PDB file of all heavy atoms in Angstrom:
ATOM      1  N   GLU A   1     116.179-112.632-101.179  1.00  0.00           N
ATOM      2  CA  GLU A   1     116.987-111.490-100.796  1.00  0.00           C
ATOM      3  C   GLU A   1     116.527-110.211-101.486  1.00  0.00           C
ATOM      4  O   GLU A   1     116.849-109.125-101.054  1.00  0.00           O
ATOM      5  CB  GLU A   1     118.455-111.744-101.128  1.00  0.00           C
ATOM      6  CG  GLU A   1     119.078-112.828-100.296  1.00  0.00           C
ATOM      7  CD  GLU A   1     120.484-113.176-100.745  1.00  0.00           C
ATOM      8  OE1 GLU A   1     121.039-112.465-101.597  1.00  0.00           O
ATOM      9  OE2 GLU A   1     121.019-114.166-100.255  1.00  0.00           O
ATOM     10  N   LYS A   2     115.782-110.335-102.553  1.00  0.00           N
ATOM     11  CA  LYS A   2     115.324-109.158-103.293  1.00  0.00           C
ATOM     12  C   LYS A   2     114.212-108.473-102.504  1.00  0.00           C
ATOM     13  O   LYS A   2     113.275-109.121-102.054  1.00  0.00           O
ATOM     14  CB  LYS A   2     114.848-109.542-104.682  1.00  0.00           C
ATOM     15  CG  LYS A   2     115.990-110.038-105.542  1.00  0.00           C
ATOM     16  CD  LYS A   2     115.587-110.101-106.971  1.00  0.00           C
ATOM     17  CE  LYS A   2     116.763-110.560-107.786  1.00  0.00           C
ATOM     18  NZ  LYS A   2     117.508-109.491-108.343  1.00  0.00           N
ATOM     19  N   PRO A   3     114.301-107.172-102.344  1.00  0.00           N
ATOM     20  CA  PRO A   3     113.282-106.460-101.583  1.00  0.00           C
ATOM     21  C   PRO A   3     111.959-106.375-102.345  1.00  0.00           C
ATOM     22  O   PRO A   3     111.928-106.473-103.576  1.00  0.00           O
ATOM     23  CB  PRO A   3     113.892-105.072-101.396  1.00  0.00           C
ATOM     24  CG  PRO A   3     114.836-104.922-102.538  1.00  0.00           C
ATOM     25  CD  PRO A   3     115.356-106.297-102.826  1.00  0.00           C
ATOM     26  N   TYR A   4     110.884-106.178-101.594  1.00  0.00           N
ATOM     27  CA  TYR A   4     109.570-106.013-102.214  1.00  0.00           C
ATOM     28  C   TYR A   4     109.519-104.714-103.013  1.00  0.00           C
ATOM     29  O   TYR A   4     108.931-104.657-104.087  1.00  0.00           O
ATOM     30  CB  TYR A   4     108.491-106.015-101.127  1.00  0.00           C
ATOM     31  CG  TYR A   4     107.104-105.771-101.666  1.00  0.00           C
ATOM     32  CD1 TYR A   4     106.432-106.775-102.362  1.00  0.00           C
ATOM     33  CD2 TYR A   4     106.472-104.550-101.498  1.00  0.00           C
ATOM     34  CE1 TYR A   4     105.169-106.561-102.889  1.00  0.00           C
ATOM     35  CE2 TYR A   4     105.213-104.334-102.020  1.00  0.00           C
ATOM     36  CZ  TYR A   4     104.559-105.333-102.702  1.00  0.00           C
ATOM     37  OH  TYR A   4     103.320-105.103-103.224  1.00  0.00           O
ATOM     38  N   TYR A   5     110.150-103.660-102.515  1.00  0.00           N
ATOM     39  CA  TYR A   5     110.145-102.339-103.143  1.00  0.00           C
ATOM     40  C   TYR A   5     111.566-101.969-103.534  1.00  0.00           C
ATOM     41  O   TYR A   5     112.490-102.161-102.758  1.00  0.00           O
ATOM     42  CB  TYR A   5     109.602-101.307-102.155  1.00  0.00           C
ATOM     43  CG  TYR A   5     109.750 -99.867-102.608  1.00  0.00           C
ATOM     44  CD1 TYR A   5     108.761 -99.255-103.353  1.00  0.00           C
ATOM     45  CD2 TYR A   5     110.891 -99.122-102.289  1.00  0.00           C
ATOM     46  CE1 TYR A   5     108.891 -97.936-103.769  1.00  0.00           C
ATOM     47  CE2 TYR A   5     111.028 -97.812-102.696  1.00  0.00           C
ATOM     48  CZ  TYR A   5     110.024 -97.222-103.433  1.00  0.00           C
ATOM     49  OH  TYR A   5     110.165 -95.936-103.846  1.00  0.00           O
ATOM     50  N   ARG A   6     111.728-101.436-104.735  1.00  0.00           N
ATOM     51  CA  ARG A   6     113.042-100.944-105.166  1.00  0.00           C
ATOM     52  C   ARG A   6     112.846 -99.604-105.866  1.00  0.00           C
ATOM     53  O   ARG A   6     111.868 -99.403-106.582  1.00  0.00           O
ATOM     54  CB  ARG A   6     113.680-101.912-106.168  1.00  0.00           C
ATOM     55  CG  ARG A   6     114.080-103.231-105.567  1.00  0.00           C
ATOM     56  CD  ARG A   6     114.463-104.256-106.599  1.00  0.00           C
ATOM     57  NE  ARG A   6     115.581-103.837-107.436  1.00  0.00           N
ATOM     58  CZ  ARG A   6     115.955-104.476-108.530  1.00  0.00           C
ATOM     59  NH1 ARG A   6     115.303-105.545-108.933  1.00  0.00           N
ATOM     60  NH2 ARG A   6     116.968-104.041-109.252  1.00  0.00           N
ATOM     61  N   LEU A   7     113.780 -98.692-105.651  1.00  0.00           N
ATOM     62  CA  LEU A   7     113.785 -97.428-106.374  1.00  0.00           C
ATOM     63  C   LEU A   7     115.029 -97.430-107.254  1.00  0.00           C
ATOM     64  O   LEU A   7     116.157 -97.371-106.757  1.00  0.00           O
ATOM     65  CB  LEU A   7     113.811 -96.228-105.424  1.00  0.00           C
ATOM     66  CG  LEU A   7     113.817 -94.863-106.110  1.00  0.00           C
ATOM     67  CD1 LEU A   7     112.541 -94.659-106.928  1.00  0.00           C
ATOM     68  CD2 LEU A   7     113.978 -93.745-105.105  1.00  0.00           C
ATOM     69  N   LEU A   8     114.806 -97.524-108.544  1.00  0.00           N
ATOM     70  CA  LEU A   8     115.905 -97.535-109.504  1.00  0.00           C
ATOM     71  C   LEU A   8     116.199 -96.090-109.892  1.00  0.00           C
ATOM     72  O   LEU A   8     115.281 -95.332-110.220  1.00  0.00           O
ATOM     73  CB  LEU A   8     115.517 -98.349-110.734  1.00  0.00           C
ATOM     74  CG  LEU A   8     115.060 -99.784-110.446  1.00  0.00           C
ATOM     75  CD1 LEU A   8     114.545-100.449-111.714  1.00  0.00           C
ATOM     76  CD2 LEU A   8     116.178-100.587-109.829  1.00  0.00           C
ATOM     77  N   THR A   9     117.465 -95.699-109.827  1.00  0.00           N
ATOM     78  CA  THR A   9     117.851 -94.328-110.145  1.00  0.00           C
ATOM     79  C   THR A   9     119.066 -94.345-111.043  1.00  0.00           C
ATOM     80  O   THR A   9     119.832 -95.309-111.069  1.00  0.00           O
ATOM     81  CB  THR A   9     118.194 -93.526-108.873  1.00  0.00           C
ATOM     82  OG1 THR A   9     119.282 -94.148-108.202  1.00  0.00           O
ATOM     83  CG2 THR A   9     117.002 -93.434-107.932  1.00  0.00           C
ATOM     84  N   GLY A  10     119.251 -93.261-111.767  1.00  0.00           N
ATOM     85  CA  GLY A  10     120.439 -93.146-112.595  1.00  0.00           C
ATOM     86  C   GLY A  10     120.279 -92.101-113.667  1.00  0.00           C
ATOM     87  O   GLY A  10     119.264 -91.394-113.741  1.00  0.00           O
ATOM     88  N   GLU A  11     121.280 -92.018-114.502  1.00  0.00           N
ATOM     89  CA  GLU A  11     121.240 -91.108-115.637  1.00  0.00           C
ATOM     90  C   GLU A  11     120.292 -91.681-116.694  1.00  0.00           C
ATOM     91  O   GLU A  11     120.189 -92.895-116.860  1.00  0.00           O
ATOM     92  CB  GLU A  11     122.643 -90.938-116.218  1.00  0.00           C
ATOM     93  CG  GLU A  11     122.734 -89.830-117.225  1.00  0.00           C
ATOM     94  CD  GLU A  11     124.158 -89.522-117.642  1.00  0.00           C
ATOM     95  OE1 GLU A  11     125.098 -90.096-117.061  1.00  0.00           O
ATOM     96  OE2 GLU A  11     124.324 -88.701-118.550  1.00  0.00           O
ATOM     97  N   ASP A  12     119.596 -90.814-117.385  1.00  0.00           N
ATOM     98  CA  ASP A  12     118.636 -91.238-118.405  1.00  0.00           C
ATOM     99  C   ASP A  12     119.388 -91.727-119.645  1.00  0.00           C
ATOM    100  O   ASP A  12     119.650 -90.971-120.578  1.00  0.00           O
ATOM    101  CB  ASP A  12     117.700 -90.077-118.755  1.00  0.00           C
ATOM    102  CG  ASP A  12     116.575 -90.496-119.685  1.00  0.00           C
ATOM    103  OD1 ASP A  12     116.335 -91.709-119.809  1.00  0.00           O
ATOM    104  OD2 ASP A  12     115.946 -89.608-120.281  1.00  0.00           O
ATOM    105  N   THR A  13     119.747 -93.008-119.608  1.00  0.00           N
ATOM    106  CA  THR A  13     120.495 -93.636-120.703  1.00  0.00           C
ATOM    107  C   THR A  13     119.849 -94.973-121.052  1.00  0.00           C
ATOM    108  O   THR A  13     118.949 -95.457-120.352  1.00  0.00           O
ATOM    109  CB  THR A  13     121.955 -93.906-120.292  1.00  0.00           C
ATOM    110  OG1 THR A  13     121.939 -94.850-119.200  1.00  0.00           O
ATOM    111  CG2 THR A  13     122.686 -92.637-119.880  1.00  0.00           C
ATOM    112  N   HIS A  14     120.356 -95.569-122.092  1.00  0.00           N
ATOM    113  CA  HIS A  14     119.912 -96.904-122.486  1.00  0.00           C
ATOM    114  C   HIS A  14     120.139 -97.891-121.335  1.00  0.00           C
ATOM    115  O   HIS A  14     119.294 -98.759-121.077  1.00  0.00           O
ATOM    116  CB  HIS A  14     120.661 -97.350-123.743  1.00  0.00           C
ATOM    117  CG  HIS A  14     120.352 -98.750-124.151  1.00  0.00           C
ATOM    118  ND1 HIS A  14     119.183 -99.097-124.795  1.00  0.00           N
ATOM    119  CD2 HIS A  14     121.053 -99.902-123.984  1.00  0.00           C
ATOM    120  CE1 HIS A  14     119.184-100.399-125.010  1.00  0.00           C
ATOM    121  NE2 HIS A  14     120.311-100.910-124.540  1.00  0.00           N
ATOM    122  N   ALA A  15     121.258 -97.753-120.646  1.00  0.00           N
ATOM    123  CA  ALA A  15     121.583 -98.665-119.542  1.00  0.00           C
ATOM    124  C   ALA A  15     120.523 -98.601-118.438  1.00  0.00           C
ATOM    125  O   ALA A  15     120.161 -99.632-117.854  1.00  0.00           O
ATOM    126  CB  ALA A  15     122.960 -98.340-118.972  1.00  0.00           C
ATOM    127  N   PHE A  16     120.013 -97.409-118.152  1.00  0.00           N
ATOM    128  CA  PHE A  16     118.960 -97.285-117.142  1.00  0.00           C
ATOM    129  C   PHE A  16     117.697 -98.015-117.612  1.00  0.00           C
ATOM    130  O   PHE A  16     117.067 -98.734-116.837  1.00  0.00           O
ATOM    131  CB  PHE A  16     118.650 -95.811-116.844  1.00  0.00           C
ATOM    132  CG  PHE A  16     117.538 -95.654-115.846  1.00  0.00           C
ATOM    133  CD1 PHE A  16     117.777 -95.794-114.492  1.00  0.00           C
ATOM    134  CD2 PHE A  16     116.244 -95.382-116.258  1.00  0.00           C
ATOM    135  CE1 PHE A  16     116.754 -95.675-113.570  1.00  0.00           C
ATOM    136  CE2 PHE A  16     115.212 -95.258-115.353  1.00  0.00           C
ATOM    137  CZ  PHE A  16     115.465 -95.392-113.998  1.00  0.00           C
ATOM    138  N   CYS A  17     117.337 -97.830-118.868  1.00  0.00           N
ATOM    139  CA  CYS A  17     116.163 -98.511-119.415  1.00  0.00           C
ATOM    140  C   CYS A  17     116.324-100.030-119.332  1.00  0.00           C
ATOM    141  O   CYS A  17     115.366-100.748-119.030  1.00  0.00           O
ATOM    142  CB  CYS A  17     115.920 -98.071-120.856  1.00  0.00           C
ATOM    143  SG  CYS A  17     115.478 -96.329-121.010  1.00  0.00           S
ATOM    144  N   VAL A  18     117.529-100.514-119.564  1.00  0.00           N
ATOM    145  CA  VAL A  18     117.799-101.949-119.452  1.00  0.00           C
ATOM    146  C   VAL A  18     117.598-102.407-118.010  1.00  0.00           C
ATOM    147  O   VAL A  18     117.003-103.464-117.759  1.00  0.00           O
ATOM    148  CB  VAL A  18     119.224-102.276-119.958  1.00  0.00           C
ATOM    149  CG1 VAL A  18     119.629-103.699-119.591  1.00  0.00           C
ATOM    150  CG2 VAL A  18     119.320-102.056-121.458  1.00  0.00           C
ATOM    151  N   ARG A  19     118.059-101.621-117.053  1.00  0.00           N
ATOM    152  CA  ARG A  19     117.877-101.979-115.629  1.00  0.00           C
ATOM    153  C   ARG A  19     116.398-102.094-115.269  1.00  0.00           C
ATOM    154  O   ARG A  19     115.990-103.018-114.558  1.00  0.00           O
ATOM    155  CB  ARG A  19     118.551-100.949-114.716  1.00  0.00           C
ATOM    156  CG  ARG A  19     120.061-101.059-114.729  1.00  0.00           C
ATOM    157  CD  ARG A  19     120.741-100.027-113.840  1.00  0.00           C
ATOM    158  NE  ARG A  19     120.214-100.018-112.492  1.00  0.00           N
ATOM    159  CZ  ARG A  19     120.046 -98.915-111.765  1.00  0.00           C
ATOM    160  NH1 ARG A  19     120.371 -97.734-112.238  1.00  0.00           N
ATOM    161  NH2 ARG A  19     119.571 -98.986-110.546  1.00  0.00           N
ATOM    162  N   VAL A  20     115.594-101.151-115.736  1.00  0.00           N
ATOM    163  CA  VAL A  20     114.154-101.204-115.475  1.00  0.00           C
ATOM    164  C   VAL A  20     113.558-102.433-116.163  1.00  0.00           C
ATOM    165  O   VAL A  20     112.771-103.175-115.558  1.00  0.00           O
ATOM    166  CB  VAL A  20     113.453 -99.909-115.928  1.00  0.00           C
ATOM    167  CG1 VAL A  20     111.936-100.038-115.808  1.00  0.00           C
ATOM    168  CG2 VAL A  20     113.952 -98.707-115.124  1.00  0.00           C
ATOM    169  N   SER A  21     113.940-102.684-117.394  1.00  0.00           N
ATOM    170  CA  SER A  21     113.439-103.847-118.132  1.00  0.00           C
ATOM    171  C   SER A  21     113.810-105.148-117.423  1.00  0.00           C
ATOM    172  O   SER A  21     112.992-106.074-117.341  1.00  0.00           O
ATOM    173  CB  SER A  21     113.986-103.853-119.564  1.00  0.00           C
ATOM    174  OG  SER A  21     113.516-102.736-120.268  1.00  0.00           O
ATOM    175  N   GLU A  22     115.027-105.230-116.903  1.00  0.00           N
ATOM    176  CA  GLU A  22     115.455-106.433-116.176  1.00  0.00           C
ATOM    177  C   GLU A  22     114.617-106.630-114.920  1.00  0.00           C
ATOM    178  O   GLU A  22     114.251-107.761-114.582  1.00  0.00           O
ATOM    179  CB  GLU A  22     116.935-106.336-115.822  1.00  0.00           C
ATOM    180  CG  GLU A  22     117.845-106.524-117.019  1.00  0.00           C
ATOM    181  CD  GLU A  22     119.310-106.249-116.710  1.00  0.00           C
ATOM    182  OE1 GLU A  22     119.619-105.690-115.630  1.00  0.00           O
ATOM    183  OE2 GLU A  22     120.144-106.581-117.566  1.00  0.00           O
ATOM    184  N   ALA A  23     114.307-105.553-114.222  1.00  0.00           N
ATOM    185  CA  ALA A  23     113.463-105.654-113.030  1.00  0.00           C
ATOM    186  C   ALA A  23     112.077-106.183-113.414  1.00  0.00           C
ATOM    187  O   ALA A  23     111.513-107.031-112.718  1.00  0.00           O
ATOM    188  CB  ALA A  23     113.358-104.306-112.327  1.00  0.00           C
ATOM    189  N   LEU A  24     111.546-105.714-114.522  1.00  0.00           N
ATOM    190  CA  LEU A  24     110.240-106.198-114.986  1.00  0.00           C
ATOM    191  C   LEU A  24     110.301-107.679-115.327  1.00  0.00           C
ATOM    192  O   LEU A  24     109.384-108.443-115.002  1.00  0.00           O
ATOM    193  CB  LEU A  24     109.772-105.383-116.190  1.00  0.00           C
ATOM    194  CG  LEU A  24     109.536-103.888-115.930  1.00  0.00           C
ATOM    195  CD1 LEU A  24     109.170-103.181-117.220  1.00  0.00           C
ATOM    196  CD2 LEU A  24     108.485-103.665-114.865  1.00  0.00           C
ATOM    197  N   GLU A  25     111.392-108.116-115.939  1.00  0.00           N
ATOM    198  CA  GLU A  25     111.573-109.531-116.272  1.00  0.00           C
ATOM    199  C   GLU A  25     111.684-110.390-115.017  1.00  0.00           C
ATOM    200  O   GLU A  25     111.322-111.565-115.027  1.00  0.00           O
ATOM    201  CB  GLU A  25     112.806-109.719-117.149  1.00  0.00           C
ATOM    202  CG  GLU A  25     112.638-109.199-118.553  1.00  0.00           C
ATOM    203  CD  GLU A  25     113.918-109.254-119.366  1.00  0.00           C
ATOM    204  OE1 GLU A  25     114.961-109.741-118.862  1.00  0.00           O
ATOM    205  OE2 GLU A  25     113.879-108.797-120.525  1.00  0.00           O
ATOM    206  N   GLU A  26     112.170-109.798-113.921  1.00  0.00           N
ATOM    207  CA  GLU A  26     112.309-110.516-112.648  1.00  0.00           C
ATOM    208  C   GLU A  26     110.992-110.573-111.873  1.00  0.00           C
ATOM    209  O   GLU A  26     110.943-111.103-110.773  1.00  0.00           O
ATOM    210  CB  GLU A  26     113.370-109.840-111.775  1.00  0.00           C
ATOM    211  CG  GLU A  26     114.764-109.959-112.319  1.00  0.00           C
ATOM    212  CD  GLU A  26     115.772-109.116-111.539  1.00  0.00           C
ATOM    213  OE1 GLU A  26     115.377-108.426-110.573  1.00  0.00           O
ATOM    214  OE2 GLU A  26     116.957-109.139-111.906  1.00  0.00           O
ATOM    215  N   GLY A  27     109.928-110.018-112.421  1.00  0.00           N
ATOM    216  CA  GLY A  27     108.631-110.091-111.765  1.00  0.00           C
ATOM    217  C   GLY A  27     108.200-108.820-111.059  1.00  0.00           C
ATOM    218  O   GLY A  27     107.149-108.786-110.426  1.00  0.00           O
ATOM    219  N   TYR A  28     109.015-107.770-111.144  1.00  0.00           N
ATOM    220  CA  TYR A  28     108.611-106.489-110.569  1.00  0.00           C
ATOM    221  C   TYR A  28     107.642-105.799-111.525  1.00  0.00           C
ATOM    222  O   TYR A  28     107.622-106.087-112.726  1.00  0.00           O
ATOM    223  CB  TYR A  28     109.829-105.590-110.352  1.00  0.00           C
ATOM    224  CG  TYR A  28     110.669-105.980-109.162  1.00  0.00           C
ATOM    225  CD1 TYR A  28     111.702-106.914-109.291  1.00  0.00           C
ATOM    226  CD2 TYR A  28     110.452-105.424-107.912  1.00  0.00           C
ATOM    227  CE1 TYR A  28     112.482-107.282-108.202  1.00  0.00           C
ATOM    228  CE2 TYR A  28     111.226-105.775-106.819  1.00  0.00           C
ATOM    229  CZ  TYR A  28     112.235-106.708-106.964  1.00  0.00           C
ATOM    230  OH  TYR A  28     113.003-107.057-105.890  1.00  0.00           O
ATOM    231  N   VAL A  29     106.829-104.902-110.982  1.00  0.00           N
ATOM    232  CA  VAL A  29     105.933-104.079-111.791  1.00  0.00           C
ATOM    233  C   VAL A  29     106.204-102.621-111.455  1.00  0.00           C
ATOM    234  O   VAL A  29     106.640-102.292-110.341  1.00  0.00           O
ATOM    235  CB  VAL A  29     104.447-104.430-111.563  1.00  0.00           C
ATOM    236  CG1 VAL A  29     104.123-105.821-112.066  1.00  0.00           C
ATOM    237  CG2 VAL A  29     104.063-104.283-110.114  1.00  0.00           C
ATOM    238  N   LEU A  30     105.931-101.760-112.418  1.00  0.00           N
ATOM    239  CA  LEU A  30     106.141-100.327-112.194  1.00  0.00           C
ATOM    240  C   LEU A  30     105.213 -99.850-111.092  1.00  0.00           C
ATOM    241  O   LEU A  30     104.054-100.263-111.004  1.00  0.00           O
ATOM    242  CB  LEU A  30     105.881 -99.543-113.472  1.00  0.00           C
ATOM    243  CG  LEU A  30     106.754 -99.906-114.671  1.00  0.00           C
ATOM    244  CD1 LEU A  30     106.327 -99.089-115.883  1.00  0.00           C
ATOM    245  CD2 LEU A  30     108.225 -99.694-114.372  1.00  0.00           C
ATOM    246  N   TYR A  31     105.718 -98.967-110.257  1.00  0.00           N
ATOM    247  CA  TYR A  31     104.930 -98.412-109.165  1.00  0.00           C
ATOM    248  C   TYR A  31     104.990 -96.893-109.279  1.00  0.00           C
ATOM    249  O   TYR A  31     106.031 -96.279-109.047  1.00  0.00           O
ATOM    250  CB  TYR A  31     105.490 -98.873-107.813  1.00  0.00           C
ATOM    251  CG  TYR A  31     104.695 -98.386-106.641  1.00  0.00           C
ATOM    252  CD1 TYR A  31     103.483 -98.986-106.307  1.00  0.00           C
ATOM    253  CD2 TYR A  31     105.140 -97.328-105.862  1.00  0.00           C
ATOM    254  CE1 TYR A  31     102.746 -98.548-105.227  1.00  0.00           C
ATOM    255  CE2 TYR A  31     104.414 -96.883-104.783  1.00  0.00           C
ATOM    256  CZ  TYR A  31     103.209 -97.489-104.466  1.00  0.00           C
ATOM    257  OH  TYR A  31     102.477 -97.056-103.403  1.00  0.00           O
ATOM    258  N   GLY A  32     103.899 -96.294-109.674  1.00  0.00           N
ATOM    259  CA  GLY A  32     103.866 -94.847-109.832  1.00  0.00           C
ATOM    260  C   GLY A  32     104.540 -94.403-111.119  1.00  0.00           C
ATOM    261  O   GLY A  32     104.981 -95.202-111.935  1.00  0.00           O
ATOM    262  N   SER A  33     104.599 -93.112-111.271  1.00  0.00           N
ATOM    263  CA  SER A  33     105.184 -92.514-112.465  1.00  0.00           C
ATOM    264  C   SER A  33     106.689 -92.339-112.290  1.00  0.00           C
ATOM    265  O   SER A  33     107.165 -92.172-111.166  1.00  0.00           O
ATOM    266  CB  SER A  33     104.569 -91.142-112.721  1.00  0.00           C
ATOM    267  OG  SER A  33     103.194 -91.259-112.945  1.00  0.00           O
TER     268      SER A  33
END
């Protein structure tokens, strides 16, 4: 059910960094800057 591409957005907080980190742990990789 997880899409191939995701755009994570939000306020620049610790919680946002955690969301990005969780995506990386799920096998996603950063795409672009």
